[in-house]
Amino acid sequence: MAIISEVEDESSTRPRILPFRATLDSSNPSSFLEKVFDFLGEQSDFLKKPFAAEEISAAVRAAKDKLRTAEKKAEKKPVEKESVKPAMAASSSEPIQVEEKKQEAAPIAPNKGNGYVLENYSWVQTLQEVTVNIPVPTGTKARSVVYEIKKNRLKLGLKGQDPIIDGELYRSVKPDDCYWNIEDQKMISILLTKQDQMEWWKCCVKGEPEIDTQKVEPENSKLADLDPETRSTVEKMMFDQRQKQMGLPTSDELQKQDILKKFMSQHSEMDFSNAKINY
């Protein structure tokens, strides 16, 4: 399997494209993952960052969610592709009109919560969630709030007034895991749970200013919050990567060394001085 990977060059703002080659053995996928982490360790500083473990675990969780979603949609009919009619060639006597593309606004730096402050609301995010805060007149009651959440759309406002937010979300959310409440009767807070929990949002609602996700500062990794299986896998991969960078044996190699030491101690009559041992 050959994968072309983009790695950011520290001396340039343009990414370097490096070849990554590895063979996936379905009976031992961990070996393939170790090679991926070796590649990351050699070609980037990603694994040295404090949030590396969290993003890796988030990727694992997101992959599991996608797999479950794919299994549920296995019986769903494929969506038919829209037919595209070929454009007619213009005659030589007719001038060709070319539409000028509007220059997109440059991304802006995120706030301390990795979001942005807008005129009517503000938002912050983690890899898993987006929190939206909307200031409202003091004394606002829950019964006067109009709230509607769908997979790709959010609408919120006060009865008798134009919506404060009404638009398509940057990415899909899990409606059943989204909640809202009024804090001190003057601030509406909405918690949106991301569908894809391995991506940073550039904006909350499409059409609003977009932040530069390259400048996002993730929270520190919290391995204690992970499920035991994911935590064990992440810890093992991180340990093996650190060992390899220091020229030390990996966890699998250490285990083999222990087995060999026990065997040698049980067979002291044998001479292992000239034995060639490969771990």
C-alpha atoms as a PDB file:
ATOM      1  CA  MET A   1       0.000   0.000   0.000  1.00  0.00           C
ATOM      2  CA  ALA A   2       1.454   3.364  -1.009  1.00  0.00           C
ATOM      3  CA  ILE A   3       0.158   6.545   0.577  1.00  0.00           C
ATOM      4  CA  ILE A   4       1.124  10.073  -0.382  1.00  0.00           C
ATOM      5  CA  SER A   5       1.270  12.159   2.766  1.00  0.00           C
ATOM      6  CA  GLU A   6       1.547  15.925   3.088  1.00  0.00           C
ATOM      7  CA  VAL A   7       3.966  17.043   5.788  1.00  0.00           C
ATOM      8  CA  GLU A   8       4.483  20.689   6.658  1.00  0.00           C
ATOM      9  CA  ASP A   9       8.013  21.900   6.121  1.00  0.00           C
ATOM     10  CA  GLU A  10       9.232  24.095   8.999  1.00  0.00           C
ATOM     11  CA  SER A  11      11.257  26.271   6.584  1.00  0.00           C
ATOM     12  CA  SER A  12       8.334  26.894   4.266  1.00  0.00           C
ATOM     13  CA  THR A  13       4.615  27.473   4.460  1.00  0.00           C
ATOM     14  CA  ARG A  14       4.095  25.003   1.606  1.00  0.00           C
ATOM     15  CA  PRO A  15       3.652  21.281   2.490  1.00  0.00           C
ATOM     16  CA  ARG A  16       6.113  18.655   1.394  1.00  0.00           C
ATOM     17  CA  ILE A  17       4.683  15.554  -0.269  1.00  0.00           C
ATOM     18  CA  LEU A  18       6.467  12.460   0.969  1.00  0.00           C
ATOM     19  CA  PRO A  19       5.847   8.821  -0.037  1.00  0.00           C
ATOM     20  CA  PHE A  20       4.726   6.445   2.682  1.00  0.00           C
ATOM     21  CA  ARG A  21       4.899   2.742   1.955  1.00  0.00           C
ATOM     22  CA  ALA A  22       3.693  -0.045   4.189  1.00  0.00           C
ATOM     23  CA  THR A  23       1.992  -3.395   3.822  1.00  0.00           C
ATOM     24  CA  LEU A  24      -1.228  -3.976   5.732  1.00  0.00           C
ATOM     25  CA  ASP A  25      -1.474  -7.464   7.191  1.00  0.00           C
ATOM     26  CA  SER A  26      -5.121  -7.948   8.186  1.00  0.00           C
ATOM     27  CA  SER A  27      -4.056 -10.403  10.886  1.00  0.00           C
ATOM     28  CA  ASN A  28      -1.742  -7.842  12.491  1.00  0.00           C
ATOM     29  CA  PRO A  29      -2.986  -4.269  11.818  1.00  0.00           C
ATOM     30  CA  SER A  30      -1.047  -2.932  14.812  1.00  0.00           C
ATOM     31  CA  SER A  31       2.190  -3.411  12.861  1.00  0.00           C
ATOM     32  CA  PHE A  32       0.846  -1.139  10.106  1.00  0.00           C
ATOM     33  CA  LEU A  33      -0.140   1.512  12.671  1.00  0.00           C
ATOM     34  CA  GLU A  34       3.321   1.383  14.239  1.00  0.00           C
ATOM     35  CA  LYS A  35       4.840   2.141  10.832  1.00  0.00           C
ATOM     36  CA  VAL A  36       2.462   5.078  10.457  1.00  0.00           C
ATOM     37  CA  PHE A  37       3.644   6.452  13.806  1.00  0.00           C
ATOM     38  CA  ASP A  38       7.275   5.841  12.827  1.00  0.00           C
ATOM     39  CA  PHE A  39       6.663   7.905   9.705  1.00  0.00           C
ATOM     40  CA  LEU A  40       5.041  10.709  11.711  1.00  0.00           C
ATOM     41  CA  GLY A  41       7.874  10.696  14.228  1.00  0.00           C
ATOM     42  CA  GLU A  42      10.541  10.907  11.536  1.00  0.00           C
ATOM     43  CA  GLN A  43       8.870  13.491   9.294  1.00  0.00           C
ATOM     44  CA  SER A  44       7.031  15.790  11.737  1.00  0.00           C
ATOM     45  CA  ASP A  45       6.792  16.982  15.331  1.00  0.00           C
ATOM     46  CA  PHE A  46       3.170  15.873  15.693  1.00  0.00           C
ATOM     47  CA  LEU A  47       3.849  13.168  18.320  1.00  0.00           C
ATOM     48  CA  LYS A  48       5.858  15.602  20.449  1.00  0.00           C
ATOM     49  CA  LYS A  49       2.875  17.884  20.908  1.00  0.00           C
ATOM     50  CA  PRO A  50       0.886  17.562  24.164  1.00  0.00           C
ATOM     51  CA  PHE A  51      -2.398  16.980  22.357  1.00  0.00           C
ATOM     52  CA  ALA A  52      -1.172  14.199  20.061  1.00  0.00           C
ATOM     53  CA  ALA A  53      -2.660  11.368  22.117  1.00  0.00           C
ATOM     54  CA  GLU A  54      -6.066  13.042  22.256  1.00  0.00           C
ATOM     55  CA  GLU A  55      -6.235  13.589  18.512  1.00  0.00           C
ATOM     56  CA  ILE A  56      -5.190   9.977  17.893  1.00  0.00           C
ATOM     57  CA  SER A  57      -7.852   8.672  20.264  1.00  0.00           C
ATOM     58  CA  ALA A  58     -10.409  11.005  18.694  1.00  0.00           C
ATOM     59  CA  ALA A  59      -9.517   9.570  15.289  1.00  0.00           C
ATOM     60  CA  VAL A  60     -10.058   6.035  16.639  1.00  0.00           C
ATOM     61  CA  ARG A  61     -13.447   6.966  18.076  1.00  0.00           C
ATOM     62  CA  ALA A  62     -14.477   8.711  14.866  1.00  0.00           C
ATOM     63  CA  ALA A  63     -13.432   5.686  12.793  1.00  0.00           C
ATOM     64  CA  LYS A  64     -15.572   3.436  14.986  1.00  0.00           C
ATOM     65  CA  ASP A  65     -18.558   5.783  14.608  1.00  0.00           C
ATOM     66  CA  LYS A  66     -18.125   5.861  10.832  1.00  0.00           C
ATOM     67  CA  LEU A  67     -17.952   2.064  10.716  1.00  0.00           C
ATOM     68  CA  ARG A  68     -21.163   1.741  12.720  1.00  0.00           C
ATOM     69  CA  THR A  69     -22.870   4.328  10.513  1.00  0.00           C
ATOM     70  CA  ALA A  70     -21.740   2.530   7.357  1.00  0.00           C
ATOM     71  CA  GLU A  71     -23.141  -0.765   8.647  1.00  0.00           C
ATOM     72  CA  LYS A  72     -26.518   0.867   9.349  1.00  0.00           C
ATOM     73  CA  LYS A  73     -26.633   2.343   5.847  1.00  0.00           C
ATOM     74  CA  ALA A  74     -25.541  -0.878   4.096  1.00  0.00           C
ATOM     75  CA  GLU A  75     -29.058  -1.544   2.817  1.00  0.00           C
ATOM     76  CA  LYS A  76     -29.611   2.035   1.683  1.00  0.00           C
ATOM     77  CA  LYS A  77     -29.752   2.552  -2.080  1.00  0.00           C
ATOM     78  CA  PRO A  78     -26.863   4.539  -3.574  1.00  0.00           C
ATOM     79  CA  VAL A  79     -27.582   8.133  -4.465  1.00  0.00           C
ATOM     80  CA  GLU A  80     -27.836   8.672  -8.193  1.00  0.00           C
ATOM     81  CA  LYS A  81     -25.323  11.078  -9.583  1.00  0.00           C
ATOM     82  CA  GLU A  82     -26.694  14.103 -11.350  1.00  0.00           C
ATOM     83  CA  SER A  83     -26.024  14.056 -15.062  1.00  0.00           C
ATOM     84  CA  VAL A  84     -23.814  16.857 -16.266  1.00  0.00           C
ATOM     85  CA  LYS A  85     -24.586  18.290 -19.661  1.00  0.00           C
ATOM     86  CA  PRO A  86     -21.514  19.207 -21.699  1.00  0.00           C
ATOM     87  CA  ALA A  87     -21.182  22.910 -22.344  1.00  0.00           C
ATOM     88  CA  MET A  88     -21.708  24.027 -25.917  1.00  0.00           C
ATOM     89  CA  ALA A  89     -18.695  25.511 -27.596  1.00  0.00           C
ATOM     90  CA  ALA A  90     -19.046  29.186 -28.318  1.00  0.00           C
ATOM     91  CA  SER A  91     -18.745  30.296 -31.939  1.00  0.00           C
ATOM     92  CA  SER A  92     -15.744  32.355 -32.921  1.00  0.00           C
ATOM     93  CA  SER A  93     -17.992  35.375 -33.491  1.00  0.00           C
ATOM     94  CA  GLU A  94     -19.318  35.354 -29.941  1.00  0.00           C
ATOM     95  CA  PRO A  95     -17.129  36.788 -27.166  1.00  0.00           C
ATOM     96  CA  ILE A  96     -16.429  34.431 -24.273  1.00  0.00           C
ATOM     97  CA  GLN A  97     -17.551  35.829 -20.959  1.00  0.00           C
ATOM     98  CA  VAL A  98     -15.471  34.816 -17.989  1.00  0.00           C
ATOM     99  CA  GLU A  99     -16.869  35.346 -14.513  1.00  0.00           C
ATOM    100  CA  GLU A 100     -14.390  36.730 -12.055  1.00  0.00           C
ATOM    101  CA  LYS A 101     -14.143  34.739  -8.848  1.00  0.00           C
ATOM    102  CA  LYS A 102     -14.627  36.695  -5.695  1.00  0.00           C
ATOM    103  CA  GLN A 103     -11.538  36.782  -3.551  1.00  0.00           C
ATOM    104  CA  GLU A 104     -12.153  34.853  -0.363  1.00  0.00           C
ATOM    105  CA  ALA A 105     -11.471  36.527   2.936  1.00  0.00           C
ATOM    106  CA  ALA A 106      -8.311  35.351   4.668  1.00  0.00           C
ATOM    107  CA  PRO A 107      -8.848  33.089   7.737  1.00  0.00           C
ATOM    108  CA  ILE A 108      -8.710  34.852  11.088  1.00  0.00           C
ATOM    109  CA  ALA A 109      -7.011  33.805  14.305  1.00  0.00           C
ATOM    110  CA  PRO A 110      -9.304  31.930  16.734  1.00  0.00           C
ATOM    111  CA  ASN A 111     -10.072  33.165  20.248  1.00  0.00           C
ATOM    112  CA  LYS A 112      -8.793  31.415  23.387  1.00  0.00           C
ATOM    113  CA  GLY A 113     -11.588  28.877  23.104  1.00  0.00           C
ATOM    114  CA  ASN A 114     -10.626  28.002  19.517  1.00  0.00           C
ATOM    115  CA  GLY A 115     -13.717  29.766  18.157  1.00  0.00           C
ATOM    116  CA  TYR A 116     -14.748  33.323  17.367  1.00  0.00           C
ATOM    117  CA  VAL A 117     -16.759  36.247  18.753  1.00  0.00           C
ATOM    118  CA  LEU A 118     -19.463  37.596  16.426  1.00  0.00           C
ATOM    119  CA  GLU A 119     -21.875  40.499  16.782  1.00  0.00           C
ATOM    120  CA  ASN A 120     -24.830  38.456  18.092  1.00  0.00           C
ATOM    121  CA  TYR A 121     -23.123  35.394  19.551  1.00  0.00           C
ATOM    122  CA  SER A 122     -19.797  33.705  20.223  1.00  0.00           C
ATOM    123  CA  TRP A 123     -18.636  30.116  19.957  1.00  0.00           C
ATOM    124  CA  VAL A 124     -15.802  27.921  21.225  1.00  0.00           C
ATOM    125  CA  GLN A 125     -14.889  24.310  20.526  1.00  0.00           C
ATOM    126  CA  THR A 126     -13.024  21.144  21.418  1.00  0.00           C
ATOM    127  CA  LEU A 127     -12.528  18.214  19.057  1.00  0.00           C
ATOM    128  CA  GLN A 128     -15.757  16.699  20.374  1.00  0.00           C
ATOM    129  CA  GLU A 129     -18.075  19.670  20.956  1.00  0.00           C
ATOM    130  CA  VAL A 130     -19.006  23.225  19.996  1.00  0.00           C
ATOM    131  CA  THR A 131     -20.449  25.596  22.593  1.00  0.00           C
ATOM    132  CA  VAL A 132     -22.450  28.594  21.385  1.00  0.00           C
ATOM    133  CA  ASN A 133     -23.213  31.524  23.736  1.00  0.00           C
ATOM    134  CA  ILE A 134     -25.936  34.018  22.835  1.00  0.00           C
ATOM    135  CA  PRO A 135     -26.563  37.054  25.067  1.00  0.00           C
ATOM    136  CA  VAL A 136     -30.275  37.838  25.566  1.00  0.00           C
ATOM    137  CA  PRO A 137     -32.186  40.506  27.548  1.00  0.00           C
ATOM    138  CA  THR A 138     -31.993  40.016  31.325  1.00  0.00           C
ATOM    139  CA  GLY A 139     -34.976  38.104  32.636  1.00  0.00           C
ATOM    140  CA  THR A 140     -35.472  35.973  29.524  1.00  0.00           C
ATOM    141  CA  LYS A 141     -37.474  32.820  30.320  1.00  0.00           C
ATOM    142  CA  ALA A 142     -37.071  29.403  28.703  1.00  0.00           C
ATOM    143  CA  ARG A 143     -40.652  29.491  27.373  1.00  0.00           C
ATOM    144  CA  SER A 144     -39.824  32.523  25.218  1.00  0.00           C
ATOM    145  CA  VAL A 145     -36.946  30.746  23.437  1.00  0.00           C
ATOM    146  CA  VAL A 146     -37.393  29.305  19.942  1.00  0.00           C
ATOM    147  CA  TYR A 147     -34.912  26.447  19.409  1.00  0.00           C
ATOM    148  CA  GLU A 148     -34.605  23.991  16.551  1.00  0.00           C
ATOM    149  CA  ILE A 149     -31.669  21.668  15.937  1.00  0.00           C
ATOM    150  CA  LYS A 150     -31.186  19.335  12.995  1.00  0.00           C
ATOM    151  CA  LYS A 151     -28.225  17.321  11.782  1.00  0.00           C
ATOM    152  CA  ASN A 152     -26.942  20.170   9.614  1.00  0.00           C
ATOM    153  CA  ARG A 153     -28.915  23.204  10.763  1.00  0.00           C
ATOM    154  CA  LEU A 154     -29.420  25.375  13.858  1.00  0.00           C
ATOM    155  CA  LYS A 155     -32.156  27.902  14.558  1.00  0.00           C
ATOM    156  CA  LEU A 156     -32.463  29.917  17.761  1.00  0.00           C
ATOM    157  CA  GLY A 157     -34.195  33.116  18.720  1.00  0.00           C
ATOM    158  CA  LEU A 158     -36.900  34.668  20.876  1.00  0.00           C
ATOM    159  CA  LYS A 159     -40.617  34.491  20.171  1.00  0.00           C
ATOM    160  CA  GLY A 160     -41.924  37.411  18.152  1.00  0.00           C
ATOM    161  CA  GLN A 161     -38.455  38.381  16.939  1.00  0.00           C
ATOM    162  CA  ASP A 162     -36.214  37.490  14.009  1.00  0.00           C
ATOM    163  CA  PRO A 163     -33.961  34.461  14.686  1.00  0.00           C
ATOM    164  CA  ILE A 164     -30.579  35.275  16.206  1.00  0.00           C
ATOM    165  CA  ILE A 165     -29.055  32.225  14.510  1.00  0.00           C
ATOM    166  CA  ASP A 166     -30.645  30.500  11.534  1.00  0.00           C
ATOM    167  CA  GLY A 167     -28.340  28.700   9.135  1.00  0.00           C
ATOM    168  CA  GLU A 168     -26.468  25.622   7.997  1.00  0.00           C
ATOM    169  CA  LEU A 169     -23.863  24.325  10.427  1.00  0.00           C
ATOM    170  CA  TYR A 170     -20.244  24.014   9.310  1.00  0.00           C
ATOM    171  CA  ARG A 171     -20.384  20.245   9.856  1.00  0.00           C
ATOM    172  CA  SER A 172     -22.964  17.686  10.988  1.00  0.00           C
ATOM    173  CA  VAL A 173     -23.890  17.225  14.661  1.00  0.00           C
ATOM    174  CA  LYS A 174     -25.676  14.555  16.698  1.00  0.00           C
ATOM    175  CA  PRO A 175     -29.086  16.177  17.399  1.00  0.00           C
ATOM    176  CA  ASP A 176     -29.912  13.790  20.246  1.00  0.00           C
ATOM    177  CA  ASP A 177     -26.714  14.857  22.028  1.00  0.00           C
ATOM    178  CA  CYS A 178     -27.248  18.617  21.645  1.00  0.00           C
ATOM    179  CA  TYR A 179     -28.658  20.691  24.516  1.00  0.00           C
ATOM    180  CA  TRP A 180     -29.375  24.291  25.490  1.00  0.00           C
ATOM    181  CA  ASN A 181     -30.057  26.213  28.688  1.00  0.00           C
ATOM    182  CA  ILE A 182     -30.344  29.769  30.001  1.00  0.00           C
ATOM    183  CA  GLU A 183     -27.627  30.947  32.365  1.00  0.00           C
ATOM    184  CA  ASP A 184     -28.596  33.689  34.870  1.00  0.00           C
ATOM    185  CA  GLN A 185     -31.567  34.539  32.618  1.00  0.00           C
ATOM    186  CA  LYS A 186     -29.278  36.563  30.342  1.00  0.00           C
ATOM    187  CA  MET A 187     -27.218  34.064  28.339  1.00  0.00           C
ATOM    188  CA  ILE A 188     -28.364  31.124  26.223  1.00  0.00           C
ATOM    189  CA  SER A 189     -25.744  28.389  25.990  1.00  0.00           C
ATOM    190  CA  ILE A 190     -25.985  25.656  23.346  1.00  0.00           C
ATOM    191  CA  LEU A 191     -23.888  22.471  23.404  1.00  0.00           C
ATOM    192  CA  LEU A 192     -23.435  20.875  19.972  1.00  0.00           C
ATOM    193  CA  THR A 193     -21.900  17.397  19.806  1.00  0.00           C
ATOM    194  CA  LYS A 194     -19.899  16.934  16.608  1.00  0.00           C
ATOM    195  CA  GLN A 195     -20.593  13.991  14.319  1.00  0.00           C
ATOM    196  CA  ASP A 196     -16.956  13.908  13.196  1.00  0.00           C
ATOM    197  CA  GLN A 197     -14.876  14.253  16.344  1.00  0.00           C
ATOM    198  CA  MET A 198     -11.504  14.534  14.645  1.00  0.00           C
ATOM    199  CA  GLU A 199     -11.990  17.834  12.837  1.00  0.00           C
ATOM    200  CA  TRP A 200     -11.782  21.459  13.961  1.00  0.00           C
ATOM    201  CA  TRP A 201     -14.601  23.680  12.720  1.00  0.00           C
ATOM    202  CA  LYS A 202     -13.697  26.828  10.793  1.00  0.00           C
ATOM    203  CA  CYS A 203     -16.995  28.485  11.697  1.00  0.00           C
ATOM    204  CA  CYS A 204     -20.194  27.601  13.517  1.00  0.00           C
ATOM    205  CA  VAL A 205     -22.681  28.586  10.806  1.00  0.00           C
ATOM    206  CA  LYS A 206     -21.713  28.675   7.145  1.00  0.00           C
ATOM    207  CA  GLY A 207     -21.343  32.179   5.771  1.00  0.00           C
ATOM    208  CA  GLU A 208     -19.808  33.554   8.969  1.00  0.00           C
ATOM    209  CA  PRO A 209     -16.087  34.500   9.166  1.00  0.00           C
ATOM    210  CA  GLU A 210     -13.816  31.444   9.196  1.00  0.00           C
ATOM    211  CA  ILE A 211     -10.958  30.927  11.625  1.00  0.00           C
ATOM    212  CA  ASP A 212      -7.510  29.569  10.783  1.00  0.00           C
ATOM    213  CA  THR A 213      -7.610  26.044  12.206  1.00  0.00           C
ATOM    214  CA  GLN A 214      -3.812  25.841  11.902  1.00  0.00           C
ATOM    215  CA  LYS A 215      -3.680  28.263  14.839  1.00  0.00           C
ATOM    216  CA  VAL A 216      -6.000  26.247  17.068  1.00  0.00           C
ATOM    217  CA  GLU A 217      -4.526  25.331  20.463  1.00  0.00           C
ATOM    218  CA  PRO A 218      -6.056  22.007  21.588  1.00  0.00           C
ATOM    219  CA  GLU A 219      -6.558  21.188  25.231  1.00  0.00           C
ATOM    220  CA  ASN A 220      -4.089  18.858  26.910  1.00  0.00           C
ATOM    221  CA  SER A 221      -4.590  15.162  26.450  1.00  0.00           C
ATOM    222  CA  LYS A 222      -6.733  13.432  29.075  1.00  0.00           C
ATOM    223  CA  LEU A 223      -6.008   9.731  28.730  1.00  0.00           C
ATOM    224  CA  ALA A 224      -7.978   9.014  31.904  1.00  0.00           C
ATOM    225  CA  ASP A 225     -11.167  10.011  30.052  1.00  0.00           C
ATOM    226  CA  LEU A 226     -10.692   7.361  27.352  1.00  0.00           C
ATOM    227  CA  ASP A 227     -12.186   3.882  27.443  1.00  0.00           C
ATOM    228  CA  PRO A 228      -9.704   1.217  28.644  1.00  0.00           C
ATOM    229  CA  GLU A 229      -9.189  -0.353  25.202  1.00  0.00           C
ATOM    230  CA  THR A 230      -8.502   2.931  23.403  1.00  0.00           C
ATOM    231  CA  ARG A 231      -6.334   4.202  26.243  1.00  0.00           C
ATOM    232  CA  SER A 232      -4.207   1.032  26.232  1.00  0.00           C
ATOM    233  CA  THR A 233      -3.714   1.200  22.460  1.00  0.00           C
ATOM    234  CA  VAL A 234      -2.754   4.880  22.481  1.00  0.00           C
ATOM    235  CA  GLU A 235      -0.368   4.497  25.427  1.00  0.00           C
ATOM    236  CA  LYS A 236       1.364   1.521  23.782  1.00  0.00           C
ATOM    237  CA  MET A 237       1.825   3.371  20.481  1.00  0.00           C
ATOM    238  CA  MET A 238       3.164   6.480  22.194  1.00  0.00           C
ATOM    239  CA  PHE A 239       5.551   4.414  24.337  1.00  0.00           C
ATOM    240  CA  ASP A 240       6.862   2.469  21.336  1.00  0.00           C
ATOM    241  CA  GLN A 241       7.394   5.687  19.374  1.00  0.00           C
ATOM    242  CA  ARG A 242       9.407   7.268  22.219  1.00  0.00           C
ATOM    243  CA  GLN A 243      11.484   4.113  22.588  1.00  0.00           C
ATOM    244  CA  LYS A 244      12.320   4.029  18.874  1.00  0.00           C
ATOM    245  CA  GLN A 245      13.315   7.700  18.861  1.00  0.00           C
ATOM    246  CA  MET A 246      15.757   6.960  21.691  1.00  0.00           C
ATOM    247  CA  GLY A 247      17.044   3.786  20.034  1.00  0.00           C
ATOM    248  CA  LEU A 248      15.481   1.585  22.716  1.00  0.00           C
ATOM    249  CA  PRO A 249      13.412  -1.608  22.305  1.00  0.00           C
ATOM    250  CA  THR A 250       9.652  -1.381  21.813  1.00  0.00           C
ATOM    251  CA  SER A 251       7.125  -3.036  24.114  1.00  0.00           C
ATOM    252  CA  ASP A 252       6.939  -6.108  21.848  1.00  0.00           C
ATOM    253  CA  GLU A 253      10.741  -6.377  21.777  1.00  0.00           C
ATOM    254  CA  LEU A 254      10.923  -6.014  25.563  1.00  0.00           C
ATOM    255  CA  GLN A 255       8.400  -8.819  25.928  1.00  0.00           C
ATOM    256  CA  LYS A 256      10.488 -11.060  23.647  1.00  0.00           C
ATOM    257  CA  GLN A 257      13.609 -10.219  25.659  1.00  0.00           C
ATOM    258  CA  ASP A 258      11.867 -11.243  28.887  1.00  0.00           C
ATOM    259  CA  ILE A 259      10.772 -14.541  27.354  1.00  0.00           C
ATOM    260  CA  LEU A 260      14.323 -15.203  26.143  1.00  0.00           C
ATOM    261  CA  LYS A 261      15.831 -14.365  29.554  1.00  0.00           C
ATOM    262  CA  LYS A 262      13.472 -16.793  31.260  1.00  0.00           C
ATOM    263  CA  PHE A 263      14.343 -19.489  28.736  1.00  0.00           C
ATOM    264  CA  MET A 264      18.084 -18.917  29.223  1.00  0.00           C
ATOM    265  CA  SER A 265      17.759 -19.040  33.006  1.00  0.00           C
ATOM    266  CA  GLN A 266      15.862 -22.316  32.776  1.00  0.00           C
ATOM    267  CA  HIS A 267      18.533 -23.819  30.505  1.00  0.00           C
ATOM    268  CA  SER A 268      21.813 -22.739  32.081  1.00  0.00           C
ATOM    269  CA  GLU A 269      23.548 -25.774  30.574  1.00  0.00           C
ATOM    270  CA  MET A 270      23.223 -24.266  27.097  1.00  0.00           C
ATOM    271  CA  ASP A 271      25.764 -21.801  25.639  1.00  0.00           C
ATOM    272  CA  PHE A 272      24.160 -18.730  24.087  1.00  0.00           C
ATOM    273  CA  SER A 273      27.361 -16.671  23.710  1.00  0.00           C
ATOM    274  CA  ASN A 274      27.555 -17.158  19.931  1.00  0.00           C
ATOM    275  CA  ALA A 275      23.833 -17.139  19.278  1.00  0.00           C
ATOM    276  CA  LYS A 276      22.455 -14.521  16.897  1.00  0.00           C
ATOM    277  CA  ILE A 277      19.161 -13.301  18.209  1.00  0.00           C
ATOM    278  CA  ASN A 278      16.783 -11.078  16.230  1.00  0.00           C
ATOM    279  CA  TYR A 279      13.847  -9.479  18.022  1.00  0.00           C
END
